[in-house]
């Protein structure tokens, strides 16, 4: 089952309309995205809680790492650079943090408020190798931009 991003975007928009609380938005997005596609094994947010530091936010799946510095891993790279990270093979990513031994590939997107403030990163792990495409990244990036436009 592959996600229909138009349907997913419409569902998330309906559920989050008028909401500006960042954690409520993150919880809703993590749940809806996680259940939209069987490639998505772990789906969640890491929030910027201090300079150069991410802490676990709302997620779906097994336990995640609690704290990730900007200097480490795929999530850190997305936060540090402000760029989407598509990693077809996590074993080949220098400094990859193995929060789950089943993770084979990863997609991490920086999450910005409408004012351009980095709120955190949205991390999707897959137990399948090379699970993510540029189309996935663009569709999810569009959803995130819409949802977090008015976030606090």
N, C-alpha and C. Protein backbone atom coordinates (compact mmCIF):
# COMPACT_ATOMS: atom_id res chain seq x y z
N UNK A 1 0.85 -1.19 0.00
CA UNK A 1 0.00 0.00 0.00
C UNK A 1 0.89 1.24 0.00
N UNK A 2 0.80 2.03 -1.07
CA UNK A 2 1.53 3.30 -1.10
C UNK A 2 0.55 4.44 -0.89
N UNK A 3 1.04 5.43 -0.22
CA UNK A 3 0.21 6.56 0.20
C UNK A 3 -0.32 7.36 -1.00
N UNK A 4 -1.54 7.84 -0.87
CA UNK A 4 -2.10 8.82 -1.80
C UNK A 4 -1.92 10.16 -1.11
N UNK A 5 -0.94 10.94 -1.57
CA UNK A 5 -0.58 12.18 -0.87
C UNK A 5 -1.68 13.24 -0.94
N UNK A 6 -2.47 13.24 -2.00
CA UNK A 6 -3.58 14.20 -2.07
C UNK A 6 -4.60 13.92 -0.97
N UNK A 7 -4.95 12.64 -0.80
CA UNK A 7 -5.88 12.26 0.26
C UNK A 7 -5.29 12.54 1.64
N UNK A 8 -4.01 12.19 1.81
CA UNK A 8 -3.35 12.41 3.10
C UNK A 8 -3.32 13.89 3.45
N UNK A 9 -2.97 14.73 2.49
CA UNK A 9 -2.91 16.18 2.73
C UNK A 9 -4.29 16.72 3.11
N UNK A 10 -5.33 16.25 2.42
CA UNK A 10 -6.69 16.71 2.71
C UNK A 10 -7.13 16.28 4.11
N UNK A 11 -6.81 15.04 4.49
CA UNK A 11 -7.16 14.54 5.82
C UNK A 11 -6.45 15.35 6.90
N UNK A 12 -5.15 15.54 6.74
CA UNK A 12 -4.38 16.29 7.74
C UNK A 12 -4.86 17.73 7.83
N UNK A 13 -5.17 18.33 6.69
CA UNK A 13 -5.68 19.71 6.69
C UNK A 13 -6.99 19.80 7.47
N UNK A 14 -7.88 18.85 7.24
CA UNK A 14 -9.17 18.84 7.94
C UNK A 14 -8.98 18.66 9.45
N UNK A 15 -8.05 17.81 9.84
CA UNK A 15 -7.83 17.52 11.26
C UNK A 15 -7.12 18.67 12.00
N UNK A 16 -6.30 19.43 11.28
CA UNK A 16 -5.47 20.45 11.94
C UNK A 16 -5.95 21.87 11.71
N UNK A 17 -7.01 22.04 10.95
CA UNK A 17 -7.53 23.38 10.63
C UNK A 17 -7.75 24.19 11.90
N UNK A 18 -7.14 25.38 11.96
CA UNK A 18 -7.33 26.28 13.08
C UNK A 18 -6.47 25.97 14.31
N UNK A 19 -5.70 24.90 14.27
CA UNK A 19 -4.84 24.54 15.41
C UNK A 19 -3.46 25.15 15.23
N UNK A 20 -2.90 25.74 16.30
CA UNK A 20 -1.56 26.33 16.20
C UNK A 20 -0.58 25.74 17.21
N UNK A 21 -1.08 24.86 18.11
CA UNK A 21 -0.19 24.26 19.09
C UNK A 21 0.73 23.25 18.39
N UNK A 22 2.02 23.46 18.52
CA UNK A 22 3.01 22.66 17.80
C UNK A 22 2.93 21.17 18.15
N UNK A 23 2.80 20.84 19.43
CA UNK A 23 2.77 19.43 19.82
C UNK A 23 1.50 18.74 19.31
N UNK A 24 0.36 19.43 19.38
CA UNK A 24 -0.88 18.86 18.85
C UNK A 24 -0.76 18.60 17.35
N UNK A 25 -0.16 19.54 16.64
CA UNK A 25 0.04 19.37 15.20
C UNK A 25 0.98 18.20 14.91
N UNK A 26 2.08 18.13 15.65
CA UNK A 26 3.05 17.05 15.44
C UNK A 26 2.42 15.69 15.71
N UNK A 27 1.62 15.58 16.77
CA UNK A 27 0.99 14.30 17.11
C UNK A 27 0.06 13.84 15.99
N UNK A 28 -0.72 14.78 15.47
CA UNK A 28 -1.68 14.46 14.41
C UNK A 28 -0.97 14.04 13.13
N UNK A 29 0.05 14.80 12.73
CA UNK A 29 0.80 14.49 11.51
C UNK A 29 1.50 13.13 11.65
N UNK A 30 2.16 12.90 12.78
CA UNK A 30 2.87 11.63 12.97
C UNK A 30 1.92 10.45 12.84
N UNK A 31 0.75 10.55 13.44
CA UNK A 31 -0.23 9.45 13.39
C UNK A 31 -0.73 9.22 11.97
N UNK A 32 -1.16 10.29 11.32
CA UNK A 32 -1.74 10.14 9.98
C UNK A 32 -0.72 9.65 8.96
N UNK A 33 0.49 10.21 8.99
CA UNK A 33 1.52 9.78 8.03
C UNK A 33 1.92 8.33 8.30
N UNK A 34 2.11 7.98 9.57
CA UNK A 34 2.54 6.63 9.93
C UNK A 34 1.60 5.56 9.38
N UNK A 35 0.31 5.81 9.50
CA UNK A 35 -0.68 4.82 9.10
C UNK A 35 -1.06 4.89 7.62
N UNK A 36 -0.42 5.79 6.87
CA UNK A 36 -0.79 5.98 5.46
C UNK A 36 -0.05 5.07 4.50
N UNK A 37 1.04 4.42 4.97
CA UNK A 37 1.89 3.67 4.04
C UNK A 37 2.63 2.59 4.80
N UNK A 38 2.63 1.37 4.29
CA UNK A 38 3.30 0.29 5.01
C UNK A 38 4.83 0.35 4.94
N UNK A 39 5.37 1.28 4.16
CA UNK A 39 6.83 1.47 4.16
C UNK A 39 7.28 2.17 5.45
N UNK A 40 6.35 2.89 6.08
CA UNK A 40 6.70 3.75 7.22
C UNK A 40 6.67 2.94 8.51
N UNK A 41 7.86 2.61 9.02
CA UNK A 41 8.02 1.73 10.17
C UNK A 41 8.07 2.52 11.48
N UNK A 42 8.65 3.70 11.45
CA UNK A 42 8.72 4.62 12.60
C UNK A 42 8.55 6.01 12.05
N UNK A 43 7.66 6.78 12.65
CA UNK A 43 7.32 8.09 12.11
C UNK A 43 7.19 9.06 13.28
N UNK A 44 8.01 10.11 13.29
CA UNK A 44 7.89 11.02 14.41
C UNK A 44 8.72 12.27 14.28
N UNK A 45 8.55 13.10 15.28
CA UNK A 45 9.22 14.40 15.32
C UNK A 45 10.28 14.43 16.40
N UNK A 46 11.35 15.16 16.09
CA UNK A 46 12.33 15.58 17.09
C UNK A 46 12.25 17.10 17.13
N UNK A 47 12.04 17.64 18.33
CA UNK A 47 11.82 19.08 18.51
C UNK A 47 13.11 19.77 18.91
N UNK A 48 13.31 20.99 18.41
CA UNK A 48 14.42 21.81 18.87
C UNK A 48 14.05 22.32 20.26
N UNK A 49 14.83 21.90 21.28
CA UNK A 49 14.52 22.28 22.66
C UNK A 49 15.60 23.16 23.28
N UNK A 50 16.74 23.24 22.65
CA UNK A 50 17.87 24.06 23.10
C UNK A 50 18.75 24.29 21.87
N UNK A 51 19.67 25.23 21.94
CA UNK A 51 20.55 25.43 20.77
C UNK A 51 21.26 24.13 20.38
N UNK A 52 21.17 23.78 19.12
CA UNK A 52 21.86 22.61 18.56
C UNK A 52 21.42 21.28 19.19
N UNK A 53 20.16 21.22 19.70
CA UNK A 53 19.72 20.01 20.37
C UNK A 53 18.28 19.65 20.00
N UNK A 54 18.08 18.38 19.64
CA UNK A 54 16.75 17.85 19.34
C UNK A 54 16.34 16.88 20.44
N UNK A 55 15.06 16.93 20.84
CA UNK A 55 14.51 15.95 21.77
C UNK A 55 13.27 15.34 21.15
N UNK A 56 13.02 14.09 21.53
CA UNK A 56 11.90 13.33 20.96
C UNK A 56 10.59 14.09 21.16
N UNK A 57 9.77 14.04 20.12
CA UNK A 57 8.44 14.62 20.17
C UNK A 57 7.43 13.53 19.88
N UNK A 58 6.23 13.89 19.49
CA UNK A 58 5.22 12.89 19.18
C UNK A 58 5.68 11.94 18.07
N UNK A 59 5.40 10.65 18.27
CA UNK A 59 5.81 9.65 17.28
C UNK A 59 4.90 8.44 17.31
N UNK A 60 5.02 7.60 16.28
CA UNK A 60 4.32 6.33 16.16
C UNK A 60 5.38 5.27 15.85
N UNK A 61 5.30 4.13 16.53
CA UNK A 61 6.27 3.07 16.33
C UNK A 61 6.97 2.75 17.63
N UNK A 62 8.05 1.99 17.55
CA UNK A 62 8.81 1.63 18.75
C UNK A 62 9.53 2.84 19.33
N UNK A 63 10.26 2.60 20.41
CA UNK A 63 10.96 3.71 21.07
C UNK A 63 11.92 4.40 20.11
N UNK A 64 12.02 5.72 20.24
CA UNK A 64 13.00 6.50 19.50
C UNK A 64 14.12 6.94 20.43
N UNK A 65 15.16 7.49 19.86
CA UNK A 65 16.22 8.10 20.69
C UNK A 65 15.61 9.31 21.39
N UNK A 66 16.00 9.56 22.63
CA UNK A 66 15.42 10.68 23.37
C UNK A 66 16.04 12.01 23.00
N UNK A 67 17.36 12.02 22.79
CA UNK A 67 18.09 13.26 22.52
C UNK A 67 19.03 13.05 21.34
N UNK A 68 19.03 14.00 20.41
CA UNK A 68 19.95 13.95 19.27
C UNK A 68 20.57 15.33 19.09
N UNK A 69 21.89 15.44 19.24
CA UNK A 69 22.52 16.72 18.95
C UNK A 69 22.54 16.98 17.44
N UNK A 70 22.51 18.26 17.05
CA UNK A 70 22.55 18.62 15.62
C UNK A 70 23.78 18.00 14.94
N UNK A 71 24.82 17.70 15.71
CA UNK A 71 26.08 17.21 15.13
C UNK A 71 26.05 15.73 14.79
N UNK A 72 24.95 15.01 15.12
CA UNK A 72 24.94 13.56 14.94
C UNK A 72 23.76 13.06 14.12
N UNK A 73 24.03 12.05 13.32
CA UNK A 73 22.98 11.31 12.64
C UNK A 73 22.26 12.05 11.53
N UNK A 74 21.28 11.37 10.98
CA UNK A 74 20.50 11.90 9.86
C UNK A 74 19.60 13.05 10.33
N UNK A 75 19.00 12.88 11.52
CA UNK A 75 18.15 13.95 12.06
C UNK A 75 18.98 15.20 12.34
N UNK A 76 20.14 15.01 12.92
CA UNK A 76 21.03 16.13 13.19
C UNK A 76 21.43 16.85 11.91
N UNK A 77 21.71 16.08 10.86
CA UNK A 77 22.09 16.67 9.57
C UNK A 77 20.96 17.52 8.99
N UNK A 78 19.71 17.03 9.09
CA UNK A 78 18.57 17.79 8.58
C UNK A 78 18.39 19.09 9.37
N UNK A 79 18.55 19.01 10.69
CA UNK A 79 18.42 20.20 11.53
C UNK A 79 19.55 21.19 11.27
N UNK A 80 20.77 20.68 11.18
CA UNK A 80 21.96 21.51 11.01
C UNK A 80 21.97 22.24 9.66
N UNK A 81 21.57 21.53 8.60
CA UNK A 81 21.66 22.08 7.25
C UNK A 81 20.36 22.72 6.77
N UNK A 82 19.23 22.35 7.41
CA UNK A 82 17.93 22.81 6.93
C UNK A 82 17.53 22.15 5.62
N UNK A 83 18.17 21.03 5.29
CA UNK A 83 17.93 20.32 4.04
C UNK A 83 17.31 18.95 4.30
N UNK A 84 16.42 18.53 3.39
CA UNK A 84 15.84 17.19 3.45
C UNK A 84 16.96 16.16 3.28
N UNK A 85 16.88 15.10 4.07
CA UNK A 85 17.85 14.00 3.98
C UNK A 85 17.11 12.74 3.53
N UNK A 86 17.47 12.23 2.35
CA UNK A 86 16.94 10.95 1.88
C UNK A 86 18.10 9.96 1.94
N UNK A 87 17.98 8.96 2.80
CA UNK A 87 19.07 8.02 3.01
C UNK A 87 18.61 6.61 2.61
N UNK A 88 19.05 6.13 1.42
CA UNK A 88 18.62 4.82 0.94
C UNK A 88 19.15 3.66 1.78
N UNK A 89 20.33 3.87 2.42
CA UNK A 89 20.94 2.81 3.23
C UNK A 89 21.58 3.45 4.46
N UNK A 90 20.92 3.30 5.62
CA UNK A 90 21.42 3.97 6.82
C UNK A 90 22.81 3.50 7.23
N UNK A 91 23.15 2.25 6.88
CA UNK A 91 24.48 1.74 7.22
C UNK A 91 25.58 2.52 6.52
N UNK A 92 25.25 3.13 5.39
CA UNK A 92 26.24 3.87 4.61
C UNK A 92 26.29 5.35 4.98
N UNK A 93 25.43 5.78 5.92
CA UNK A 93 25.41 7.20 6.31
C UNK A 93 26.39 7.41 7.46
N UNK A 94 27.42 8.27 7.25
CA UNK A 94 28.41 8.48 8.31
C UNK A 94 27.75 9.05 9.57
N UNK A 95 28.00 8.40 10.70
CA UNK A 95 27.47 8.89 11.97
C UNK A 95 26.02 8.54 12.21
N UNK A 96 25.45 7.63 11.43
CA UNK A 96 24.05 7.23 11.64
C UNK A 96 23.87 6.74 13.07
N UNK A 97 22.78 7.18 13.71
CA UNK A 97 22.45 6.73 15.06
C UNK A 97 21.39 5.64 14.92
N UNK A 98 21.71 4.45 15.37
CA UNK A 98 20.77 3.33 15.25
C UNK A 98 19.83 3.30 16.44
N UNK A 99 18.73 4.04 16.34
CA UNK A 99 17.72 3.99 17.40
C UNK A 99 16.97 2.67 17.35
N UNK A 100 16.84 2.11 16.14
CA UNK A 100 16.22 0.80 15.98
C UNK A 100 17.06 -0.03 15.00
N UNK A 101 17.35 -1.25 15.39
CA UNK A 101 18.18 -2.10 14.53
C UNK A 101 17.46 -2.53 13.26
N UNK A 102 16.13 -2.36 13.21
CA UNK A 102 15.38 -2.78 12.01
C UNK A 102 15.40 -1.72 10.91
N UNK A 103 15.82 -0.48 11.22
CA UNK A 103 15.80 0.59 10.23
C UNK A 103 16.81 0.34 9.11
N UNK A 104 16.33 0.41 7.86
CA UNK A 104 17.19 0.22 6.69
C UNK A 104 17.37 1.51 5.88
N UNK A 105 16.30 2.33 5.82
CA UNK A 105 16.39 3.60 5.09
C UNK A 105 15.60 4.65 5.86
N UNK A 106 15.86 5.93 5.51
CA UNK A 106 15.32 7.01 6.33
C UNK A 106 15.06 8.24 5.47
N UNK A 107 14.02 8.96 5.84
CA UNK A 107 13.70 10.26 5.24
C UNK A 107 13.51 11.23 6.39
N UNK A 108 14.28 12.31 6.41
CA UNK A 108 14.17 13.31 7.47
C UNK A 108 14.01 14.68 6.83
N UNK A 109 12.96 15.39 7.29
CA UNK A 109 12.65 16.71 6.75
C UNK A 109 12.70 17.75 7.86
N UNK A 110 13.39 18.87 7.61
CA UNK A 110 13.34 19.95 8.60
C UNK A 110 11.93 20.54 8.64
N UNK A 111 11.50 20.97 9.81
CA UNK A 111 10.16 21.53 9.99
C UNK A 111 10.31 22.98 10.44
N UNK A 112 9.76 23.87 9.61
CA UNK A 112 9.86 25.30 9.89
C UNK A 112 8.48 25.90 10.15
N UNK A 113 8.42 26.90 11.02
CA UNK A 113 7.19 27.68 11.18
C UNK A 113 7.05 28.59 9.97
N UNK A 114 5.88 29.21 9.82
CA UNK A 114 5.67 30.16 8.73
C UNK A 114 6.65 31.32 8.78
N UNK A 115 7.13 31.62 9.99
CA UNK A 115 8.11 32.71 10.17
C UNK A 115 9.54 32.26 9.88
N UNK A 116 9.70 30.99 9.53
CA UNK A 116 11.02 30.49 9.17
C UNK A 116 11.84 29.96 10.33
N UNK A 117 11.23 29.81 11.51
CA UNK A 117 11.93 29.27 12.68
C UNK A 117 11.97 27.75 12.58
N UNK A 118 13.14 27.15 12.82
CA UNK A 118 13.26 25.69 12.82
C UNK A 118 12.60 25.15 14.08
N UNK A 119 11.52 24.39 13.91
CA UNK A 119 10.79 23.81 15.04
C UNK A 119 11.34 22.44 15.41
N UNK A 120 11.89 21.75 14.41
CA UNK A 120 12.41 20.41 14.62
C UNK A 120 12.56 19.70 13.30
N UNK A 121 12.57 18.36 13.35
CA UNK A 121 12.65 17.56 12.13
C UNK A 121 11.58 16.48 12.20
N UNK A 122 11.12 16.05 11.02
CA UNK A 122 10.16 14.96 10.89
C UNK A 122 10.92 13.78 10.31
N UNK A 123 10.96 12.69 11.07
CA UNK A 123 11.78 11.53 10.76
C UNK A 123 10.88 10.35 10.40
N UNK A 124 11.11 9.78 9.23
CA UNK A 124 10.39 8.57 8.83
C UNK A 124 11.43 7.48 8.56
N UNK A 125 11.32 6.39 9.29
CA UNK A 125 12.22 5.25 9.11
C UNK A 125 11.46 4.13 8.41
N UNK A 126 12.20 3.36 7.62
CA UNK A 126 11.60 2.18 6.99
C UNK A 126 12.48 0.97 7.25
N UNK A 127 11.83 -0.18 7.42
CA UNK A 127 12.57 -1.43 7.55
C UNK A 127 12.90 -2.01 6.18
N UNK A 128 12.58 -1.25 5.12
CA UNK A 128 12.91 -1.65 3.75
C UNK A 128 14.06 -0.77 3.25
N UNK A 129 15.02 -1.34 2.52
CA UNK A 129 16.08 -0.50 1.95
C UNK A 129 15.53 0.39 0.84
N UNK A 130 16.11 1.56 0.68
CA UNK A 130 15.79 2.48 -0.42
C UNK A 130 14.29 2.70 -0.56
N UNK A 131 13.62 2.98 0.56
CA UNK A 131 12.15 3.05 0.58
C UNK A 131 11.61 4.40 0.11
N UNK A 132 12.44 5.45 0.11
CA UNK A 132 11.91 6.80 -0.09
C UNK A 132 12.38 7.43 -1.39
N UNK A 133 11.49 8.21 -1.99
CA UNK A 133 11.79 8.89 -3.25
C UNK A 133 11.72 10.40 -3.06
N UNK A 134 12.18 11.10 -4.07
CA UNK A 134 12.08 12.56 -4.08
C UNK A 134 10.61 12.98 -4.05
N UNK A 135 9.73 12.20 -4.68
CA UNK A 135 8.29 12.49 -4.65
C UNK A 135 7.75 12.43 -3.22
N UNK A 136 8.18 11.42 -2.44
CA UNK A 136 7.79 11.35 -1.03
C UNK A 136 8.23 12.62 -0.31
N UNK A 137 9.49 12.98 -0.50
CA UNK A 137 10.04 14.15 0.19
C UNK A 137 9.28 15.42 -0.15
N UNK A 138 9.00 15.62 -1.43
CA UNK A 138 8.30 16.84 -1.84
C UNK A 138 6.88 16.88 -1.32
N UNK A 139 6.17 15.76 -1.37
CA UNK A 139 4.78 15.72 -0.91
C UNK A 139 4.70 15.96 0.60
N UNK A 140 5.58 15.32 1.35
CA UNK A 140 5.55 15.49 2.81
C UNK A 140 6.02 16.89 3.19
N UNK A 141 7.00 17.41 2.47
CA UNK A 141 7.47 18.78 2.74
C UNK A 141 6.33 19.78 2.54
N UNK A 142 5.53 19.57 1.53
CA UNK A 142 4.39 20.45 1.25
C UNK A 142 3.36 20.37 2.38
N UNK A 143 3.08 19.15 2.85
CA UNK A 143 2.14 18.97 3.96
C UNK A 143 2.66 19.68 5.21
N UNK A 144 3.95 19.49 5.51
CA UNK A 144 4.53 20.11 6.71
C UNK A 144 4.47 21.64 6.63
N UNK A 145 4.77 22.18 5.46
CA UNK A 145 4.74 23.65 5.30
C UNK A 145 3.33 24.18 5.55
N UNK A 146 2.34 23.46 5.07
CA UNK A 146 0.95 23.87 5.25
C UNK A 146 0.53 23.77 6.72
N UNK A 147 0.84 22.65 7.35
CA UNK A 147 0.42 22.39 8.74
C UNK A 147 1.07 23.37 9.72
N UNK A 148 2.35 23.61 9.56
CA UNK A 148 3.10 24.38 10.57
C UNK A 148 3.21 25.87 10.21
N UNK A 149 2.48 26.30 9.19
CA UNK A 149 2.48 27.71 8.75
C UNK A 149 2.20 28.65 9.92
N UNK A 150 1.21 28.31 10.77
CA UNK A 150 0.80 29.18 11.87
C UNK A 150 1.23 28.65 13.24
N UNK A 151 2.15 27.69 13.25
CA UNK A 151 2.57 27.09 14.53
C UNK A 151 3.27 28.12 15.41
N UNK A 152 3.09 27.90 16.71
CA UNK A 152 3.69 28.81 17.72
C UNK A 152 5.16 28.52 17.89
